[in-house]
């Protein structure tokens, strides 16, 4: 991306529900500086601290005094999505569905120039779309022009089929009436390319839990010249490595493992590579925690392409003035 080669002005970013920092890392690579981040998961916060200079506060966002949170140029965050997910039970009254309200609270109190939110595809349709409509309405009332689109990470150099809703907003007084979501990349990155030269993992780095009936209800394997299935947060549901024998369909929602070869899931290092985290990145915690942090993250390269477009839009509007002038706009 040639934008990386220009002398960039740094926009400051505050991050809610940051996890290990996939979204934050992508924005850091495109001219943003994360100065404050929050998550409730202690291991994820520890992982975030290993690679970033942000002040990372671990704890429940509902219990944090908002006066202690700095004002940033942009707010980042993918609020918890378990209540929206198509992969499990979808509950209208799931308490996690309301955590976005703290995201909205920050917009109301700190008035950042822009924000970027990320969530699962199921958010669009839960409650016949009423949950999403409420979210959009709440944000709109705080004075932001919104744009959203369903993007698939595989279209942006991520070797994984992963559909996510990206919501981008700009403060109304900036007068931004158009936002260009990133164009699809011409080339698809395959598992062969993503995992090239990766050493065979140690057994302790691979989830070896029994395969549940839920796991056996669908095909879990993609081949070397394809992209992976979605990397989930639950270790037991992680897809099979391409070296595993093909799964064979026996009937509706019933599969079995092939007989020729060794069946295994992706290691956590391989899952991280598929999520486009840097090779060799350290994740804090036990094996289950590492898989969880990786599966919950926004793929770094997906975050990068969104960040590039947000950066260009802000620069076009503000002329990329010195930071002192940016704060005067606020």
Protein backbone atom coordinates (compact mmCIF):
# COMPACT_ATOMS: atom_id res chain seq x y z
CA UNK A 1 0.00 0.00 0.00
CA UNK A 2 1.76 3.13 -1.19
CA UNK A 3 0.15 5.24 1.52
CA UNK A 4 2.71 3.75 3.91
CA UNK A 5 5.50 5.46 1.97
CA UNK A 6 4.41 9.06 2.58
CA UNK A 7 5.22 11.21 5.59
CA UNK A 8 2.14 10.61 7.71
CA UNK A 9 0.62 12.81 10.36
CA UNK A 10 -0.36 10.84 13.43
CA UNK A 11 -4.01 10.75 14.43
CA UNK A 12 -4.51 9.57 18.00
CA UNK A 13 -6.81 6.62 18.66
CA UNK A 14 -8.66 5.26 21.68
CA UNK A 15 -9.69 1.60 21.56
CA UNK A 16 -12.60 -0.11 23.34
CA UNK A 17 -12.97 -3.92 23.49
CA UNK A 18 -9.48 -4.05 22.02
CA UNK A 19 -8.56 -7.64 22.80
CA UNK A 20 -5.04 -8.52 21.68
CA UNK A 21 -5.19 -5.57 19.29
CA UNK A 22 -5.73 -6.77 15.71
CA UNK A 23 -7.78 -3.69 14.81
CA UNK A 24 -5.39 -1.39 16.67
CA UNK A 25 -2.32 -2.88 15.00
CA UNK A 26 -3.80 -2.34 11.54
CA UNK A 27 -4.54 1.30 12.34
CA UNK A 28 -1.08 1.80 13.85
CA UNK A 29 0.38 0.74 10.51
CA UNK A 30 -1.63 3.38 8.66
CA UNK A 31 -0.92 6.64 10.45
CA UNK A 32 -2.78 6.32 13.75
CA UNK A 33 -1.32 6.18 17.26
CA UNK A 34 -3.27 4.18 19.83
CA UNK A 35 -2.90 6.03 23.13
CA UNK A 36 -5.43 4.18 25.32
CA UNK A 37 -7.03 0.74 25.07
CA UNK A 38 -9.41 -1.31 27.18
CA UNK A 39 -10.52 -4.91 27.44
CA UNK A 40 -11.90 -7.10 30.20
CA UNK A 41 -9.63 -10.06 29.37
CA UNK A 42 -6.40 -9.91 31.39
CA UNK A 43 -4.42 -12.10 28.97
CA UNK A 44 -5.53 -10.02 25.98
CA UNK A 45 -4.51 -6.82 27.77
CA UNK A 46 -1.11 -8.33 28.56
CA UNK A 47 -0.68 -9.33 24.92
CA UNK A 48 -1.60 -5.81 23.77
CA UNK A 49 1.01 -4.30 26.08
CA UNK A 50 3.73 -6.47 24.52
CA UNK A 51 3.47 -4.82 21.10
CA UNK A 52 2.01 -1.35 21.71
CA UNK A 53 2.87 1.80 23.66
CA UNK A 54 -0.78 2.46 24.52
CA UNK A 55 -1.97 2.75 28.09
CA UNK A 56 -3.94 -0.48 28.39
CA UNK A 57 -6.58 -0.56 31.13
CA UNK A 58 -7.91 -4.00 31.97
CA UNK A 59 -11.43 -4.04 33.38
CA UNK A 60 -15.16 -3.79 32.75
CA UNK A 61 -15.83 -0.71 30.60
CA UNK A 62 -19.08 -0.10 32.50
CA UNK A 63 -17.05 0.48 35.68
CA UNK A 64 -14.46 2.88 34.22
CA UNK A 65 -14.74 6.61 34.95
CA UNK A 66 -14.98 8.21 31.49
CA UNK A 67 -13.24 11.34 32.75
CA UNK A 68 -10.06 9.25 32.98
CA UNK A 69 -10.21 8.23 29.31
CA UNK A 70 -8.31 10.59 26.99
CA UNK A 71 -9.89 12.31 24.01
CA UNK A 72 -8.58 10.80 20.80
CA UNK A 73 -9.03 11.76 17.16
CA UNK A 74 -10.69 8.41 16.47
CA UNK A 75 -12.45 5.69 18.47
CA UNK A 76 -11.83 2.06 17.53
CA UNK A 77 -13.53 -1.10 18.70
CA UNK A 78 -15.44 -4.23 17.92
CA UNK A 79 -17.89 -4.55 20.80
CA UNK A 80 -18.57 -8.13 21.98
CA UNK A 81 -20.50 -10.06 19.36
CA UNK A 82 -21.56 -13.31 21.05
CA UNK A 83 -25.18 -12.21 21.26
CA UNK A 84 -25.23 -11.46 17.52
CA UNK A 85 -23.29 -14.46 16.19
CA UNK A 86 -24.80 -16.86 13.68
CA UNK A 87 -22.50 -19.59 15.02
CA UNK A 88 -24.31 -19.98 18.35
CA UNK A 89 -27.57 -19.11 20.12
CA UNK A 90 -28.71 -15.61 19.21
CA UNK A 91 -30.40 -13.84 22.10
CA UNK A 92 -32.12 -10.48 21.92
CA UNK A 93 -31.72 -10.06 25.68
CA UNK A 94 -28.04 -11.05 25.80
CA UNK A 95 -26.43 -8.43 28.07
CA UNK A 96 -23.45 -8.23 25.71
CA UNK A 97 -25.72 -6.74 23.04
CA UNK A 98 -25.88 -3.49 25.04
CA UNK A 99 -22.13 -2.96 25.51
CA UNK A 100 -22.08 -0.79 22.38
CA UNK A 101 -23.77 1.89 24.53
CA UNK A 102 -20.40 2.62 26.17
CA UNK A 103 -18.98 3.13 22.70
CA UNK A 104 -21.79 5.63 22.06
CA UNK A 105 -21.14 7.26 25.44
CA UNK A 106 -17.56 8.00 24.41
CA UNK A 107 -18.76 9.60 21.15
CA UNK A 108 -21.12 11.77 23.15
CA UNK A 109 -18.60 12.89 25.78
CA UNK A 110 -15.32 13.09 23.83
CA UNK A 111 -16.52 13.97 20.31
CA UNK A 112 -13.72 12.28 18.32
CA UNK A 113 -13.35 13.15 14.65
CA UNK A 114 -14.29 9.64 13.60
CA UNK A 115 -14.89 6.09 14.75
CA UNK A 116 -14.61 2.57 13.35
CA UNK A 117 -16.64 -0.35 14.66
CA UNK A 118 -16.51 -4.01 13.66
CA UNK A 119 -18.90 -6.86 14.29
CA UNK A 120 -20.21 -10.15 12.99
CA UNK A 121 -22.60 -10.47 10.06
CA UNK A 122 -25.38 -11.61 12.41
CA UNK A 123 -25.62 -8.15 13.94
CA UNK A 124 -27.44 -6.99 10.79
CA UNK A 125 -30.32 -9.43 11.19
CA UNK A 126 -30.74 -10.11 14.93
CA UNK A 127 -34.27 -9.22 15.99
CA UNK A 128 -35.24 -8.69 12.35
CA UNK A 129 -32.63 -5.96 12.16
CA UNK A 130 -34.00 -3.97 15.11
CA UNK A 131 -30.82 -4.30 17.19
CA UNK A 132 -28.71 -2.87 14.38
CA UNK A 133 -31.23 -0.11 13.71
CA UNK A 134 -31.06 0.88 17.39
CA UNK A 135 -27.27 0.99 17.29
CA UNK A 136 -27.24 3.14 14.15
CA UNK A 137 -29.90 5.45 15.58
CA UNK A 138 -28.04 5.91 18.87
CA UNK A 139 -24.82 6.82 17.09
CA UNK A 140 -26.56 9.13 14.61
CA UNK A 141 -28.13 11.09 17.46
CA UNK A 142 -24.65 11.86 18.80
CA UNK A 143 -23.85 13.83 15.65
CA UNK A 144 -22.14 11.37 13.34
CA UNK A 145 -22.57 10.53 9.66
CA UNK A 146 -22.41 6.76 9.27
CA UNK A 147 -21.31 4.34 6.57
CA UNK A 148 -21.35 0.56 6.88
CA UNK A 149 -20.64 -2.44 4.70
CA UNK A 150 -20.26 -6.20 4.98
CA UNK A 151 -16.68 -7.08 4.03
CA UNK A 152 -15.06 -10.49 3.61
CA UNK A 153 -11.49 -10.61 4.90
CA UNK A 154 -10.45 -12.99 2.10
CA UNK A 155 -10.83 -10.09 -0.37
CA UNK A 156 -8.08 -8.13 1.42
CA UNK A 157 -5.10 -10.51 1.55
CA UNK A 158 -6.38 -12.42 4.59
CA UNK A 159 -6.25 -16.19 3.94
CA UNK A 160 -9.61 -16.77 5.55
CA UNK A 161 -13.29 -16.62 4.73
CA UNK A 162 -14.47 -14.16 7.38
CA UNK A 163 -17.44 -11.81 6.86
CA UNK A 164 -17.64 -8.82 9.18
CA UNK A 165 -19.68 -5.61 9.29
CA UNK A 166 -17.48 -2.52 9.28
CA UNK A 167 -19.11 0.69 10.55
CA UNK A 168 -17.33 4.00 9.92
CA UNK A 169 -18.55 7.36 11.16
CA UNK A 170 -17.39 10.97 10.91
CA UNK A 171 -18.47 13.89 13.05
CA UNK A 172 -21.14 15.87 11.23
CA UNK A 173 -19.35 19.21 11.39
CA UNK A 174 -16.53 17.79 9.24
CA UNK A 175 -18.96 17.74 6.32
CA UNK A 176 -17.90 14.29 5.09
CA UNK A 177 -20.72 12.90 2.96
CA UNK A 178 -18.89 10.06 1.19
CA UNK A 179 -16.65 7.24 2.34
CA UNK A 180 -15.00 4.72 0.04
CA UNK A 181 -14.71 1.28 1.54
CA UNK A 182 -11.54 -0.52 0.38
CA UNK A 183 -11.57 -2.11 -3.06
CA UNK A 184 -11.11 -5.85 -3.24
CA UNK A 185 -7.60 -7.04 -3.89
CA UNK A 186 -7.07 -8.85 -7.18
CA UNK A 187 -5.10 -11.66 -5.61
CA UNK A 188 -6.41 -14.12 -3.02
CA UNK A 189 -3.81 -15.26 -0.48
CA UNK A 190 -4.04 -19.02 0.06
CA UNK A 191 -3.18 -21.19 3.02
CA UNK A 192 -0.11 -22.39 1.15
CA UNK A 193 1.25 -18.84 1.02
CA UNK A 194 0.13 -17.88 4.52
CA UNK A 195 1.73 -20.89 6.18
CA UNK A 196 4.80 -21.20 3.95
CA UNK A 197 7.97 -22.13 5.85
CA UNK A 198 6.16 -22.45 9.17
CA UNK A 199 7.78 -25.22 11.21
CA UNK A 200 5.76 -28.19 12.39
CA UNK A 201 4.22 -27.06 15.71
CA UNK A 202 4.82 -28.65 19.06
CA UNK A 203 1.99 -30.84 20.28
CA UNK A 204 1.35 -28.49 23.21
CA UNK A 205 0.56 -25.69 20.72
CA UNK A 206 -2.36 -27.58 19.14
CA UNK A 207 -5.78 -28.07 20.70
CA UNK A 208 -6.27 -31.83 21.04
CA UNK A 209 -9.70 -31.79 22.68
CA UNK A 210 -12.17 -34.46 21.55
CA UNK A 211 -14.14 -33.57 18.43
CA UNK A 212 -17.71 -32.76 19.44
CA UNK A 213 -20.90 -33.61 17.58
CA UNK A 214 -21.10 -29.93 16.70
CA UNK A 215 -17.64 -30.12 15.17
CA UNK A 216 -18.58 -33.25 13.22
CA UNK A 217 -21.77 -31.63 11.88
CA UNK A 218 -19.90 -29.85 9.11
CA UNK A 219 -16.79 -29.95 6.97
CA UNK A 220 -13.87 -28.35 8.83
CA UNK A 221 -11.09 -28.62 6.28
CA UNK A 222 -9.88 -26.43 3.43
CA UNK A 223 -7.03 -27.43 1.15
CA UNK A 224 -3.66 -25.72 0.61
CA UNK A 225 -4.78 -23.70 -2.42
CA UNK A 226 -7.88 -22.34 -0.69
CA UNK A 227 -8.50 -19.92 2.15
CA UNK A 228 -9.32 -21.16 5.63
CA UNK A 229 -12.71 -21.35 7.21
CA UNK A 230 -13.26 -18.62 9.81
CA UNK A 231 -10.85 -18.85 12.75
CA UNK A 232 -13.16 -18.96 15.81
CA UNK A 233 -12.46 -17.94 19.39
CA UNK A 234 -13.23 -21.42 20.75
CA UNK A 235 -10.19 -23.69 20.53
CA UNK A 236 -12.27 -26.84 20.06
CA UNK A 237 -13.89 -25.39 16.92
CA UNK A 238 -10.66 -24.37 15.14
CA UNK A 239 -10.54 -25.77 11.56
CA UNK A 240 -8.32 -28.61 10.43
CA UNK A 241 -4.83 -28.15 9.04
CA UNK A 242 -4.66 -28.77 5.24
CA UNK A 243 -2.38 -31.77 5.80
CA UNK A 244 -5.27 -33.58 7.48
CA UNK A 245 -7.24 -36.08 5.39
CA UNK A 246 -10.41 -34.74 3.81
CA UNK A 247 -13.59 -35.01 5.83
CA UNK A 248 -16.19 -37.25 4.23
CA UNK A 249 -19.88 -36.49 4.23
CA UNK A 250 -22.13 -39.28 5.51
CA UNK A 251 -25.42 -37.42 5.51
CA UNK A 252 -27.07 -34.18 6.46
CA UNK A 253 -25.05 -32.55 9.26
CA UNK A 254 -22.93 -35.67 9.61
CA UNK A 255 -19.30 -36.01 8.56
CA UNK A 256 -16.37 -38.25 9.41
CA UNK A 257 -12.61 -37.92 9.21
CA UNK A 258 -10.77 -39.57 6.36
CA UNK A 259 -8.59 -42.56 7.10
CA UNK A 260 -5.35 -41.61 5.32
CA UNK A 261 -3.11 -39.40 7.41
CA UNK A 262 -3.09 -37.54 10.72
CA UNK A 263 -6.01 -35.30 11.61
CA UNK A 264 -5.21 -32.15 13.58
CA UNK A 265 -6.43 -28.61 14.10
CA UNK A 266 -4.39 -25.50 13.28
CA UNK A 267 -1.88 -24.65 16.00
CA UNK A 268 -2.34 -21.30 17.68
CA UNK A 269 0.66 -19.96 15.73
CA UNK A 270 -0.92 -21.04 12.44
CA UNK A 271 -4.26 -19.52 13.47
CA UNK A 272 -2.44 -16.26 14.25
CA UNK A 273 -0.78 -16.28 10.82
CA UNK A 274 -4.18 -16.82 9.18
CA UNK A 275 -5.44 -13.81 11.17
CA UNK A 276 -2.43 -11.95 9.67
CA UNK A 277 -0.72 -11.22 12.97
CA UNK A 278 3.07 -10.90 12.57
CA UNK A 279 5.05 -14.13 12.58
CA UNK A 280 6.56 -14.74 16.00
CA UNK A 281 4.11 -12.50 17.86
CA UNK A 282 3.75 -13.55 21.48
CA UNK A 283 0.34 -14.15 23.04
CA UNK A 284 -0.01 -14.30 26.83
CA UNK A 285 -1.94 -17.08 28.56
CA UNK A 286 -2.66 -20.77 28.27
CA UNK A 287 -3.52 -22.51 25.01
CA UNK A 288 -7.27 -21.89 25.27
CA UNK A 289 -6.66 -18.20 25.97
CA UNK A 290 -4.31 -17.81 23.01
CA UNK A 291 -6.83 -19.32 20.61
CA UNK A 292 -9.54 -17.08 22.10
CA UNK A 293 -7.53 -13.89 21.66
CA UNK A 294 -6.63 -14.80 18.09
CA UNK A 295 -10.15 -15.84 17.08
CA UNK A 296 -11.75 -12.74 18.60
CA UNK A 297 -9.41 -10.35 16.79
CA UNK A 298 -9.97 -8.33 13.66
CA UNK A 299 -7.50 -9.61 11.02
CA UNK A 300 -4.66 -7.13 10.92
CA UNK A 301 -4.64 -6.78 7.14
CA UNK A 302 -8.40 -6.15 7.06
CA UNK A 303 -7.90 -3.43 9.67
CA UNK A 304 -5.08 -1.95 7.57
CA UNK A 305 -7.13 -1.46 4.42
CA UNK A 306 -10.00 0.12 6.37
CA UNK A 307 -7.54 2.36 8.22
CA UNK A 308 -6.00 3.47 4.94
CA UNK A 309 -9.35 4.70 3.64
CA UNK A 310 -10.24 6.40 6.93
CA UNK A 311 -6.86 8.14 6.97
CA UNK A 312 -7.25 9.37 3.39
CA UNK A 313 -10.76 10.64 4.10
CA UNK A 314 -9.67 12.57 7.18
CA UNK A 315 -6.64 14.00 5.38
CA UNK A 316 -8.75 15.11 2.45
CA UNK A 317 -11.13 16.87 4.83
CA UNK A 318 -8.57 18.38 7.19
CA UNK A 319 -5.63 18.79 4.87
CA UNK A 320 -3.55 16.76 7.37
CA UNK A 321 -2.74 19.91 9.31
CA UNK A 322 -0.42 19.78 12.25
CA UNK A 323 -1.89 18.10 15.32
CA UNK A 324 -2.39 21.49 17.01
CA UNK A 325 -4.81 22.46 14.24
CA UNK A 326 -6.64 19.17 14.45
CA UNK A 327 -7.44 19.71 18.11
CA UNK A 328 -8.80 23.18 17.31
CA UNK A 329 -11.38 21.56 15.00
CA UNK A 330 -12.63 19.57 18.00
